[in-house]
């Protein structure tokens, strides 16, 4: 289904052509600028660019597995498969939580299903136009990861959030994602993880 037709002015094509000519299509010098400017959207100190929201979730759950071991991940039954599969890939337990009438995370169902064995992780999903969740109430010992692939400006309190820049998302490009956090240790981990496979000496 064709939703819109892309159109660029000759002036807009100049910086695009410059990027193409460098050959640095993924992690060139503009990435650091984008990460820095993205703070105004994420409201987090550290913003680490990735190639997709799925890879961002993958890196977050890799980090949490190393720091906490197997965790219990509570996420809505109505959502997207790749973040949940990323958690499962690293051996975390997935516990599906019901959604409210607004199709967002149901805290009451979370409390009913909550277990005591492992570190609890709560992963709500924000859809377009939703930056927070009404009646958001947790115990306080949870690690909160916000799937913000469809929300550019989340205001919900969290430890990590991740974003998508897929062509059909609010901020669109050819592809890409972002991890946002205030945790310096985690930010360093994500950058090192990313650098294993990509040379970004020029960033």
N, C-alpha and C. Protein backbone atom coordinates (compact mmCIF):
# COMPACT_ATOMS: atom_id res chain seq x y z
N UNK A 1 0.84 -1.17 0.00
CA UNK A 1 0.00 0.00 0.00
C UNK A 1 0.89 1.24 0.00
N UNK A 2 0.72 2.10 -0.97
CA UNK A 2 1.52 3.31 -1.05
C UNK A 2 0.82 4.42 -0.29
N UNK A 3 1.46 4.88 0.79
CA UNK A 3 0.83 5.88 1.65
C UNK A 3 1.18 7.29 1.20
N UNK A 4 2.41 7.49 0.79
CA UNK A 4 2.84 8.82 0.37
C UNK A 4 3.96 8.70 -0.66
N UNK A 5 4.23 9.78 -1.32
CA UNK A 5 5.31 9.83 -2.30
C UNK A 5 6.41 10.74 -1.78
N UNK A 6 7.63 10.21 -1.74
CA UNK A 6 8.76 11.01 -1.27
C UNK A 6 9.11 12.09 -2.28
N UNK A 7 9.43 13.26 -1.77
CA UNK A 7 9.78 14.37 -2.65
C UNK A 7 10.88 15.19 -1.99
N UNK A 8 11.96 15.45 -2.72
CA UNK A 8 13.09 16.20 -2.20
C UNK A 8 13.38 17.39 -3.10
N UNK A 9 13.72 18.52 -2.47
CA UNK A 9 14.17 19.66 -3.25
C UNK A 9 15.64 19.48 -3.58
N UNK A 10 16.13 20.23 -4.55
CA UNK A 10 17.55 20.13 -4.92
C UNK A 10 18.44 20.51 -3.74
N UNK A 11 17.98 21.45 -2.91
CA UNK A 11 18.75 21.85 -1.74
C UNK A 11 18.83 20.73 -0.72
N UNK A 12 17.75 19.98 -0.55
CA UNK A 12 17.73 18.88 0.41
C UNK A 12 18.61 17.72 -0.04
N UNK A 13 18.81 17.59 -1.34
CA UNK A 13 19.61 16.49 -1.87
C UNK A 13 21.11 16.71 -1.69
N UNK A 14 21.54 17.93 -1.47
CA UNK A 14 22.97 18.22 -1.35
C UNK A 14 23.61 17.46 -0.19
N UNK A 15 23.07 17.54 1.06
CA UNK A 15 23.69 16.77 2.15
C UNK A 15 23.56 15.26 1.95
N UNK A 16 22.47 14.82 1.31
CA UNK A 16 22.32 13.39 1.04
C UNK A 16 23.39 12.90 0.09
N UNK A 17 23.66 13.67 -0.92
CA UNK A 17 24.70 13.29 -1.88
C UNK A 17 26.08 13.26 -1.22
N UNK A 18 26.31 14.19 -0.29
CA UNK A 18 27.59 14.21 0.41
C UNK A 18 27.78 12.93 1.23
N UNK A 19 26.72 12.50 1.89
CA UNK A 19 26.79 11.26 2.67
C UNK A 19 27.08 10.08 1.76
N UNK A 20 26.37 10.00 0.65
CA UNK A 20 26.57 8.89 -0.29
C UNK A 20 28.00 8.85 -0.80
N UNK A 21 28.57 10.01 -1.04
CA UNK A 21 29.93 10.08 -1.58
C UNK A 21 30.98 9.64 -0.56
N UNK A 22 30.70 9.78 0.75
CA UNK A 22 31.66 9.33 1.76
C UNK A 22 31.69 7.82 1.87
N UNK A 23 30.61 7.15 1.48
CA UNK A 23 30.53 5.71 1.63
C UNK A 23 30.18 5.26 3.04
N UNK A 24 30.01 6.21 3.96
CA UNK A 24 29.67 5.89 5.34
C UNK A 24 28.16 6.01 5.52
N UNK A 25 27.45 4.96 5.14
CA UNK A 25 25.99 5.02 5.13
C UNK A 25 25.37 4.71 6.49
N UNK A 26 26.13 4.01 7.36
CA UNK A 26 25.56 3.64 8.65
C UNK A 26 26.03 4.47 9.81
N UNK A 27 27.35 4.62 9.95
CA UNK A 27 27.89 5.27 11.14
C UNK A 27 28.93 6.31 10.78
N UNK A 28 28.53 7.28 10.00
CA UNK A 28 29.40 8.38 9.63
C UNK A 28 29.38 9.49 10.67
N UNK A 29 30.00 10.63 10.37
CA UNK A 29 30.14 11.70 11.35
C UNK A 29 28.82 12.36 11.77
N UNK A 30 27.75 12.17 11.02
CA UNK A 30 26.48 12.77 11.41
C UNK A 30 25.77 12.00 12.52
N UNK A 31 26.21 10.77 12.79
CA UNK A 31 25.55 9.96 13.80
C UNK A 31 25.67 10.59 15.18
N UNK A 32 26.87 11.05 15.52
CA UNK A 32 27.07 11.68 16.83
C UNK A 32 26.20 12.93 16.97
N UNK A 33 26.07 13.69 15.90
CA UNK A 33 25.22 14.88 15.94
C UNK A 33 23.76 14.49 16.21
N UNK A 34 23.33 13.43 15.53
CA UNK A 34 21.95 12.97 15.71
C UNK A 34 21.74 12.46 17.13
N UNK A 35 22.69 11.69 17.66
CA UNK A 35 22.58 11.17 19.02
C UNK A 35 22.47 12.33 20.02
N UNK A 36 23.28 13.37 19.81
CA UNK A 36 23.27 14.51 20.72
C UNK A 36 21.95 15.27 20.66
N UNK A 37 21.45 15.51 19.46
CA UNK A 37 20.21 16.25 19.31
C UNK A 37 18.99 15.44 19.78
N UNK A 38 19.12 14.11 19.77
CA UNK A 38 17.98 13.27 20.14
C UNK A 38 17.65 13.37 21.63
N UNK A 39 18.57 13.93 22.43
CA UNK A 39 18.29 14.11 23.86
C UNK A 39 17.00 14.89 24.09
N UNK A 40 16.72 15.83 23.20
CA UNK A 40 15.52 16.66 23.38
C UNK A 40 14.24 15.85 23.20
N UNK A 41 14.32 14.70 22.53
CA UNK A 41 13.15 13.84 22.37
C UNK A 41 13.08 12.80 23.49
N UNK A 42 14.21 12.17 23.78
CA UNK A 42 14.21 11.05 24.72
C UNK A 42 14.26 11.50 26.17
N UNK A 43 14.77 12.72 26.43
CA UNK A 43 14.98 13.21 27.80
C UNK A 43 15.93 12.31 28.59
N UNK A 44 16.87 11.68 27.88
CA UNK A 44 17.90 10.84 28.50
C UNK A 44 19.28 11.38 28.13
N UNK A 45 20.25 11.20 29.04
CA UNK A 45 21.59 11.72 28.82
C UNK A 45 22.30 11.05 27.65
N UNK A 46 22.14 9.74 27.55
CA UNK A 46 22.91 8.96 26.58
C UNK A 46 21.98 8.36 25.54
N UNK A 47 22.30 8.59 24.28
CA UNK A 47 21.50 8.11 23.16
C UNK A 47 22.44 7.43 22.18
N UNK A 48 22.20 6.14 21.95
CA UNK A 48 23.12 5.33 21.17
C UNK A 48 22.38 4.83 19.93
N UNK A 49 22.86 5.24 18.77
CA UNK A 49 22.21 4.86 17.52
C UNK A 49 22.46 3.38 17.21
N UNK A 50 21.43 2.74 16.68
CA UNK A 50 21.52 1.34 16.26
C UNK A 50 20.93 1.24 14.84
N UNK A 51 20.97 0.05 14.27
CA UNK A 51 20.41 -0.07 12.92
C UNK A 51 18.92 -0.35 12.91
N UNK A 52 18.32 -0.59 14.10
CA UNK A 52 16.87 -0.80 14.18
C UNK A 52 16.44 -0.82 15.64
N UNK A 53 15.14 -0.71 15.86
CA UNK A 53 14.61 -0.85 17.22
C UNK A 53 14.80 -2.28 17.72
N UNK A 54 14.71 -3.24 16.83
CA UNK A 54 14.90 -4.64 17.21
C UNK A 54 16.31 -4.88 17.74
N UNK A 55 17.32 -4.31 17.05
CA UNK A 55 18.69 -4.48 17.52
C UNK A 55 18.91 -3.72 18.83
N UNK A 56 18.21 -2.61 19.02
CA UNK A 56 18.29 -1.88 20.29
C UNK A 56 17.78 -2.76 21.44
N UNK A 57 16.64 -3.40 21.24
CA UNK A 57 16.10 -4.30 22.27
C UNK A 57 17.06 -5.46 22.52
N UNK A 58 17.65 -5.99 21.47
CA UNK A 58 18.60 -7.09 21.57
C UNK A 58 19.77 -6.69 22.47
N UNK A 59 20.31 -5.50 22.26
CA UNK A 59 21.45 -5.04 23.05
C UNK A 59 21.06 -4.79 24.51
N UNK A 60 19.87 -4.26 24.74
CA UNK A 60 19.42 -4.01 26.11
C UNK A 60 19.30 -5.32 26.88
N UNK A 61 18.70 -6.33 26.26
CA UNK A 61 18.53 -7.60 26.97
C UNK A 61 19.84 -8.36 27.12
N UNK A 62 20.78 -8.14 26.21
CA UNK A 62 22.12 -8.71 26.38
C UNK A 62 22.79 -8.11 27.61
N UNK A 63 22.69 -6.79 27.74
CA UNK A 63 23.26 -6.09 28.89
C UNK A 63 22.64 -6.58 30.20
N UNK A 64 21.32 -6.67 30.24
CA UNK A 64 20.64 -7.07 31.47
C UNK A 64 20.95 -8.51 31.85
N UNK A 65 21.15 -9.37 30.86
CA UNK A 65 21.52 -10.76 31.16
C UNK A 65 22.89 -10.80 31.82
N UNK A 66 23.84 -10.01 31.33
CA UNK A 66 25.17 -9.98 31.92
C UNK A 66 25.16 -9.40 33.33
N UNK A 67 24.30 -8.42 33.56
CA UNK A 67 24.30 -7.74 34.87
C UNK A 67 23.45 -8.46 35.91
N UNK A 68 22.33 -9.08 35.49
CA UNK A 68 21.38 -9.63 36.47
C UNK A 68 21.09 -11.12 36.28
N UNK A 69 21.62 -11.72 35.23
CA UNK A 69 21.26 -13.10 34.95
C UNK A 69 19.87 -13.18 34.35
N UNK A 70 19.22 -14.32 34.52
CA UNK A 70 17.87 -14.49 33.97
C UNK A 70 16.89 -13.57 34.70
N UNK A 71 16.10 -12.83 33.93
CA UNK A 71 15.11 -11.91 34.50
C UNK A 71 13.71 -12.33 34.07
N UNK A 72 12.71 -11.82 34.77
CA UNK A 72 11.32 -12.01 34.37
C UNK A 72 10.87 -10.75 33.65
N UNK A 73 10.48 -10.89 32.39
CA UNK A 73 10.11 -9.74 31.56
C UNK A 73 8.60 -9.72 31.38
N UNK A 74 7.97 -8.67 31.88
CA UNK A 74 6.52 -8.50 31.80
C UNK A 74 6.22 -7.51 30.68
N UNK A 75 5.50 -7.97 29.68
CA UNK A 75 5.20 -7.12 28.53
C UNK A 75 3.80 -7.42 28.01
N UNK A 76 3.14 -6.47 27.38
CA UNK A 76 1.75 -6.69 26.95
C UNK A 76 1.62 -7.80 25.90
N UNK A 77 0.50 -8.49 25.97
CA UNK A 77 0.21 -9.55 25.00
C UNK A 77 -0.08 -8.97 23.62
N UNK A 78 -0.46 -7.70 23.58
CA UNK A 78 -0.68 -7.02 22.30
C UNK A 78 0.53 -6.13 22.04
N UNK A 79 1.38 -6.54 21.13
CA UNK A 79 2.59 -5.77 20.89
C UNK A 79 3.35 -6.29 19.69
N UNK A 80 4.64 -6.11 19.72
CA UNK A 80 5.50 -6.48 18.60
C UNK A 80 6.42 -7.62 19.01
N UNK A 81 6.67 -8.53 18.10
CA UNK A 81 7.34 -9.77 18.47
C UNK A 81 8.84 -9.62 18.72
N UNK A 82 9.53 -8.76 17.97
CA UNK A 82 10.99 -8.77 18.04
C UNK A 82 11.56 -8.41 19.42
N UNK A 83 11.03 -7.42 20.16
CA UNK A 83 11.59 -7.17 21.49
C UNK A 83 11.41 -8.36 22.44
N UNK A 84 10.26 -9.00 22.39
CA UNK A 84 10.04 -10.17 23.25
C UNK A 84 10.96 -11.32 22.87
N UNK A 85 11.16 -11.52 21.56
CA UNK A 85 12.07 -12.57 21.12
C UNK A 85 13.50 -12.25 21.51
N UNK A 86 13.87 -10.96 21.52
CA UNK A 86 15.22 -10.57 21.95
C UNK A 86 15.43 -10.97 23.41
N UNK A 87 14.42 -10.72 24.24
CA UNK A 87 14.51 -11.11 25.64
C UNK A 87 14.64 -12.62 25.78
N UNK A 88 13.83 -13.35 25.04
CA UNK A 88 13.85 -14.81 25.12
C UNK A 88 15.17 -15.37 24.60
N UNK A 89 15.75 -14.73 23.60
CA UNK A 89 17.03 -15.17 23.04
C UNK A 89 18.11 -15.25 24.12
N UNK A 90 18.08 -14.31 25.07
CA UNK A 90 19.08 -14.29 26.13
C UNK A 90 18.64 -15.04 27.39
N UNK A 91 17.57 -15.82 27.27
CA UNK A 91 17.17 -16.70 28.35
C UNK A 91 16.27 -16.08 29.40
N UNK A 92 15.79 -14.86 29.15
CA UNK A 92 14.86 -14.25 30.09
C UNK A 92 13.48 -14.90 29.96
N UNK A 93 12.72 -14.87 31.04
CA UNK A 93 11.36 -15.41 31.03
C UNK A 93 10.39 -14.33 30.55
N UNK A 94 9.52 -14.68 29.62
CA UNK A 94 8.49 -13.74 29.14
C UNK A 94 7.18 -14.04 29.85
N UNK A 95 6.61 -13.04 30.50
CA UNK A 95 5.29 -13.18 31.12
C UNK A 95 4.38 -12.16 30.44
N UNK A 96 3.35 -12.66 29.78
CA UNK A 96 2.45 -11.79 29.04
C UNK A 96 1.45 -11.13 29.97
N UNK A 97 1.30 -9.83 29.82
CA UNK A 97 0.38 -9.05 30.64
C UNK A 97 -0.76 -8.55 29.76
N UNK A 98 -1.96 -8.53 30.34
CA UNK A 98 -3.11 -8.02 29.60
C UNK A 98 -2.96 -6.53 29.30
N UNK A 99 -3.79 -6.05 28.39
CA UNK A 99 -3.82 -4.62 28.10
C UNK A 99 -5.12 -4.04 28.63
N UNK A 100 -5.10 -2.74 28.87
CA UNK A 100 -6.29 -2.03 29.32
C UNK A 100 -7.19 -1.73 28.12
N UNK A 101 -8.28 -1.04 28.38
CA UNK A 101 -9.17 -0.63 27.28
C UNK A 101 -8.46 0.31 26.31
N UNK A 102 -7.38 0.97 26.79
CA UNK A 102 -6.60 1.85 25.91
C UNK A 102 -5.48 1.12 25.20
N UNK A 103 -5.47 -0.21 25.32
CA UNK A 103 -4.49 -1.09 24.64
C UNK A 103 -3.07 -0.90 25.14
N UNK A 104 -2.93 -0.50 26.41
CA UNK A 104 -1.60 -0.35 27.00
C UNK A 104 -1.47 -1.26 28.22
N UNK A 105 -0.31 -1.31 28.78
CA UNK A 105 0.07 -2.20 29.88
C UNK A 105 -0.91 -2.10 31.06
N UNK A 106 -1.42 -3.27 31.49
CA UNK A 106 -2.38 -3.33 32.60
C UNK A 106 -1.61 -3.64 33.89
N UNK A 107 -1.42 -2.63 34.73
CA UNK A 107 -0.64 -2.81 35.96
C UNK A 107 -1.30 -3.80 36.92
N UNK A 108 -2.62 -3.82 36.96
CA UNK A 108 -3.31 -4.75 37.87
C UNK A 108 -3.02 -6.20 37.48
N UNK A 109 -3.01 -6.47 36.18
CA UNK A 109 -2.70 -7.83 35.74
C UNK A 109 -1.24 -8.15 36.02
N UNK A 110 -0.39 -7.16 35.90
CA UNK A 110 1.04 -7.36 36.22
C UNK A 110 1.20 -7.79 37.68
N UNK A 111 0.52 -7.12 38.59
CA UNK A 111 0.64 -7.47 40.01
C UNK A 111 0.12 -8.88 40.27
N UNK A 112 -0.92 -9.29 39.54
CA UNK A 112 -1.46 -10.64 39.72
C UNK A 112 -0.46 -11.70 39.25
N UNK A 113 0.29 -11.38 38.21
CA UNK A 113 1.18 -12.38 37.60
C UNK A 113 2.62 -12.30 38.09
N UNK A 114 2.93 -11.28 38.84
CA UNK A 114 4.32 -11.05 39.24
C UNK A 114 4.87 -12.20 40.09
N UNK A 115 6.09 -12.61 39.79
CA UNK A 115 6.78 -13.67 40.52
C UNK A 115 7.89 -13.06 41.37
N UNK A 116 8.55 -13.89 42.20
CA UNK A 116 9.53 -13.36 43.13
C UNK A 116 10.95 -13.88 42.88
N UNK A 117 11.11 -14.82 41.94
CA UNK A 117 12.40 -15.49 41.81
C UNK A 117 13.48 -14.61 41.18
N UNK A 118 13.15 -13.86 40.13
CA UNK A 118 14.15 -13.16 39.34
C UNK A 118 13.92 -11.65 39.34
N UNK A 119 14.93 -10.93 38.85
CA UNK A 119 14.80 -9.48 38.70
C UNK A 119 13.63 -9.17 37.76
N UNK A 120 12.65 -8.37 38.20
CA UNK A 120 11.53 -8.04 37.32
C UNK A 120 11.88 -6.93 36.34
N UNK A 121 11.53 -7.14 35.10
CA UNK A 121 11.65 -6.13 34.05
C UNK A 121 10.26 -5.88 33.48
N UNK A 122 9.90 -4.63 33.39
CA UNK A 122 8.59 -4.26 32.84
C UNK A 122 8.83 -3.55 31.52
N UNK A 123 8.19 -4.04 30.46
CA UNK A 123 8.37 -3.44 29.13
C UNK A 123 7.03 -3.04 28.53
N UNK A 124 6.53 -1.84 28.88
CA UNK A 124 5.30 -1.35 28.25
C UNK A 124 5.57 -0.91 26.82
N UNK A 125 4.52 -0.80 26.05
CA UNK A 125 4.62 -0.37 24.65
C UNK A 125 3.80 0.90 24.48
N UNK A 126 4.44 1.94 23.97
CA UNK A 126 3.74 3.19 23.71
C UNK A 126 3.40 3.28 22.23
N UNK A 127 2.13 3.44 21.95
CA UNK A 127 1.70 3.59 20.56
C UNK A 127 1.71 5.06 20.18
N UNK A 128 1.48 5.35 18.91
CA UNK A 128 1.47 6.72 18.43
C UNK A 128 0.49 7.58 19.21
N UNK A 129 0.97 8.73 19.69
CA UNK A 129 0.12 9.64 20.42
C UNK A 129 0.07 9.40 21.91
N UNK A 130 0.66 8.29 22.39
CA UNK A 130 0.67 7.99 23.82
C UNK A 130 2.09 8.13 24.34
N UNK A 131 2.31 9.11 25.24
CA UNK A 131 3.64 9.32 25.81
C UNK A 131 3.75 8.80 27.23
N UNK A 132 2.61 8.49 27.84
CA UNK A 132 2.60 8.00 29.21
C UNK A 132 1.43 7.03 29.35
N UNK A 133 1.32 6.38 30.49
CA UNK A 133 0.24 5.43 30.74
C UNK A 133 -0.50 5.87 32.00
N UNK A 134 -1.79 6.05 31.87
CA UNK A 134 -2.61 6.41 33.04
C UNK A 134 -2.57 5.27 34.07
N UNK A 135 -2.62 5.65 35.33
CA UNK A 135 -2.63 4.67 36.42
C UNK A 135 -1.39 3.78 36.39
N UNK A 136 -0.26 4.36 35.97
CA UNK A 136 1.00 3.62 35.93
C UNK A 136 1.53 3.48 37.36
N UNK A 137 1.54 2.26 37.88
CA UNK A 137 1.94 2.03 39.26
C UNK A 137 2.73 0.73 39.34
N UNK A 138 3.96 0.82 39.86
CA UNK A 138 4.81 -0.35 40.02
C UNK A 138 5.27 -0.45 41.47
N UNK A 139 5.96 -1.54 41.81
CA UNK A 139 6.44 -1.71 43.17
C UNK A 139 7.67 -0.86 43.46
N UNK A 140 8.48 -0.59 42.42
CA UNK A 140 9.65 0.24 42.60
C UNK A 140 10.97 -0.47 42.43
N UNK A 141 10.95 -1.81 42.39
CA UNK A 141 12.20 -2.55 42.22
C UNK A 141 12.39 -3.05 40.79
N UNK A 142 11.50 -2.62 39.90
CA UNK A 142 11.55 -3.08 38.51
C UNK A 142 12.57 -2.29 37.68
N UNK A 143 13.08 -2.93 36.66
CA UNK A 143 13.80 -2.24 35.59
C UNK A 143 12.77 -2.00 34.50
N UNK A 144 12.62 -0.75 34.08
CA UNK A 144 11.58 -0.41 33.10
C UNK A 144 12.24 -0.13 31.75
N UNK A 145 11.81 -0.87 30.75
CA UNK A 145 12.24 -0.67 29.36
C UNK A 145 11.01 -0.25 28.58
N UNK A 146 11.06 0.91 27.95
CA UNK A 146 9.90 1.38 27.20
C UNK A 146 10.12 1.13 25.70
N UNK A 147 9.22 0.35 25.13
CA UNK A 147 9.19 0.18 23.67
C UNK A 147 8.53 1.42 23.11
N UNK A 148 9.37 2.35 22.65
CA UNK A 148 8.88 3.64 22.17
C UNK A 148 9.06 3.76 20.66
N UNK A 149 9.00 2.64 19.97
CA UNK A 149 9.19 2.64 18.53
C UNK A 149 8.18 3.53 17.81
N UNK A 150 6.98 3.68 18.40
CA UNK A 150 5.93 4.48 17.77
C UNK A 150 5.69 5.80 18.50
N UNK A 151 6.51 6.10 19.49
CA UNK A 151 6.34 7.34 20.25
C UNK A 151 7.66 8.08 20.31
N UNK A 152 7.70 9.30 19.83
CA UNK A 152 8.95 10.06 19.76
C UNK A 152 9.29 10.72 21.08
N UNK A 153 8.29 11.08 21.87
CA UNK A 153 8.53 11.86 23.10
C UNK A 153 7.92 11.18 24.32
N UNK A 154 8.48 10.05 24.76
CA UNK A 154 7.92 9.39 25.94
C UNK A 154 8.19 10.21 27.20
N UNK A 155 7.22 10.27 28.09
CA UNK A 155 7.39 10.96 29.36
C UNK A 155 7.31 9.99 30.54
N UNK A 156 7.01 8.74 30.27
CA UNK A 156 6.91 7.74 31.32
C UNK A 156 8.30 7.50 31.91
N UNK A 157 8.38 7.33 33.23
CA UNK A 157 9.66 7.12 33.90
C UNK A 157 10.20 5.74 33.57
N UNK A 158 11.48 5.68 33.14
CA UNK A 158 12.04 4.39 32.74
C UNK A 158 13.56 4.40 32.87
N UNK A 159 14.12 3.19 32.82
CA UNK A 159 15.58 3.03 32.82
C UNK A 159 16.14 3.06 31.41
N UNK A 160 15.38 2.48 30.48
CA UNK A 160 15.78 2.41 29.09
C UNK A 160 14.56 2.66 28.21
N UNK A 161 14.79 3.28 27.08
CA UNK A 161 13.75 3.35 26.05
C UNK A 161 14.44 3.11 24.71
N UNK A 162 13.67 2.59 23.77
CA UNK A 162 14.25 2.40 22.44
C UNK A 162 13.26 2.86 21.38
N UNK A 163 13.83 3.32 20.26
CA UNK A 163 13.06 3.99 19.21
C UNK A 163 13.34 3.36 17.85
N UNK A 164 12.43 3.60 16.93
CA UNK A 164 12.58 3.13 15.56
C UNK A 164 12.49 4.30 14.59
N UNK A 165 13.31 4.25 13.55
CA UNK A 165 13.26 5.25 12.49
C UNK A 165 12.94 4.60 11.15
N UNK A 166 12.15 3.55 11.23
CA UNK A 166 11.64 2.87 10.03
C UNK A 166 10.81 3.86 9.22
N UNK A 167 10.72 3.68 7.91
CA UNK A 167 9.95 4.63 7.09
C UNK A 167 8.51 4.88 7.54
N UNK A 168 7.89 3.94 8.26
CA UNK A 168 6.51 4.13 8.69
C UNK A 168 6.40 4.63 10.13
N UNK A 169 7.51 5.02 10.74
CA UNK A 169 7.48 5.49 12.11
C UNK A 169 7.44 7.02 12.16
N UNK A 170 7.15 7.61 13.35
CA UNK A 170 6.99 9.07 13.43
C UNK A 170 8.20 9.86 12.94
N UNK A 171 9.42 9.45 13.33
CA UNK A 171 10.63 10.02 12.73
C UNK A 171 11.17 8.96 11.79
N UNK A 172 11.07 9.20 10.51
CA UNK A 172 11.38 8.14 9.56
C UNK A 172 12.67 8.43 8.79
N UNK A 173 13.37 7.35 8.50
CA UNK A 173 14.52 7.40 7.61
C UNK A 173 14.47 6.09 6.83
N UNK A 174 15.55 5.72 6.19
CA UNK A 174 15.52 4.44 5.48
C UNK A 174 15.42 3.29 6.48
N UNK A 175 15.94 3.51 7.67
CA UNK A 175 15.87 2.54 8.76
C UNK A 175 16.66 3.11 9.93
N UNK A 176 16.80 2.36 11.00
CA UNK A 176 17.59 2.81 12.14
C UNK A 176 16.81 2.76 13.42
N UNK A 177 17.55 2.88 14.54
CA UNK A 177 16.93 2.88 15.85
C UNK A 177 17.80 3.63 16.84
N UNK A 178 17.38 3.66 18.09
CA UNK A 178 18.11 4.38 19.13
C UNK A 178 17.81 3.76 20.49
N UNK A 179 18.85 3.65 21.33
CA UNK A 179 18.68 3.30 22.73
C UNK A 179 18.92 4.57 23.54
N UNK A 180 18.07 4.83 24.52
CA UNK A 180 18.23 6.01 25.37
C UNK A 180 18.23 5.59 26.83
N UNK A 181 19.17 6.15 27.60
CA UNK A 181 19.29 5.80 29.02
C UNK A 181 20.07 6.88 29.75
N UNK A 182 19.94 6.90 31.07
CA UNK A 182 20.76 7.77 31.91
C UNK A 182 21.90 6.98 32.57
N UNK A 183 21.98 5.70 32.26
CA UNK A 183 22.95 4.79 32.86
C UNK A 183 24.24 4.79 32.04
N UNK A 184 25.31 5.40 32.58
CA UNK A 184 26.57 5.51 31.84
C UNK A 184 27.19 4.14 31.58
N UNK A 185 27.14 3.25 32.56
CA UNK A 185 27.69 1.90 32.38
C UNK A 185 27.01 1.19 31.22
N UNK A 186 25.69 1.30 31.16
CA UNK A 186 24.95 0.67 30.08
C UNK A 186 25.28 1.33 28.74
N UNK A 187 25.37 2.65 28.72
CA UNK A 187 25.68 3.36 27.47
C UNK A 187 27.04 2.93 26.92
N UNK A 188 28.03 2.79 27.80
CA UNK A 188 29.35 2.33 27.35
C UNK A 188 29.26 0.91 26.82
N UNK A 189 28.48 0.08 27.48
CA UNK A 189 28.29 -1.30 27.02
C UNK A 189 27.68 -1.32 25.62
N UNK A 190 26.65 -0.50 25.40
CA UNK A 190 25.98 -0.49 24.10
C UNK A 190 26.92 -0.01 22.99
N UNK A 191 27.70 1.01 23.28
CA UNK A 191 28.64 1.51 22.27
C UNK A 191 29.69 0.45 21.93
N UNK A 192 30.21 -0.21 22.94
CA UNK A 192 31.20 -1.26 22.70
C UNK A 192 30.59 -2.44 21.94
N UNK A 193 29.37 -2.78 22.30
CA UNK A 193 28.66 -3.88 21.63
C UNK A 193 28.48 -3.54 20.14
N UNK A 194 28.07 -2.31 19.89
CA UNK A 194 27.87 -1.86 18.51
C UNK A 194 29.18 -1.85 17.74
N UNK A 195 30.26 -1.45 18.39
CA UNK A 195 31.54 -1.30 17.71
C UNK A 195 32.21 -2.61 17.37
N UNK A 196 31.70 -3.70 17.92
CA UNK A 196 32.27 -5.02 17.58
C UNK A 196 32.14 -5.29 16.09
N UNK A 197 31.01 -4.90 15.52
CA UNK A 197 30.73 -5.21 14.12
C UNK A 197 30.83 -4.03 13.18
N UNK A 198 30.94 -2.80 13.71
CA UNK A 198 30.97 -1.63 12.85
C UNK A 198 32.14 -0.74 13.23
N UNK A 199 32.85 -0.27 12.25
CA UNK A 199 33.93 0.70 12.49
C UNK A 199 33.34 2.09 12.47
N UNK A 200 33.46 2.79 13.58
CA UNK A 200 32.89 4.15 13.65
C UNK A 200 33.96 5.12 14.12
N UNK A 201 35.18 4.92 13.63
CA UNK A 201 36.29 5.78 14.04
C UNK A 201 36.03 7.24 13.70
N UNK A 202 35.22 7.49 12.69
CA UNK A 202 35.00 8.87 12.25
C UNK A 202 33.83 9.53 12.94
N UNK A 203 33.17 8.82 13.85
CA UNK A 203 32.02 9.40 14.53
C UNK A 203 32.50 10.41 15.58
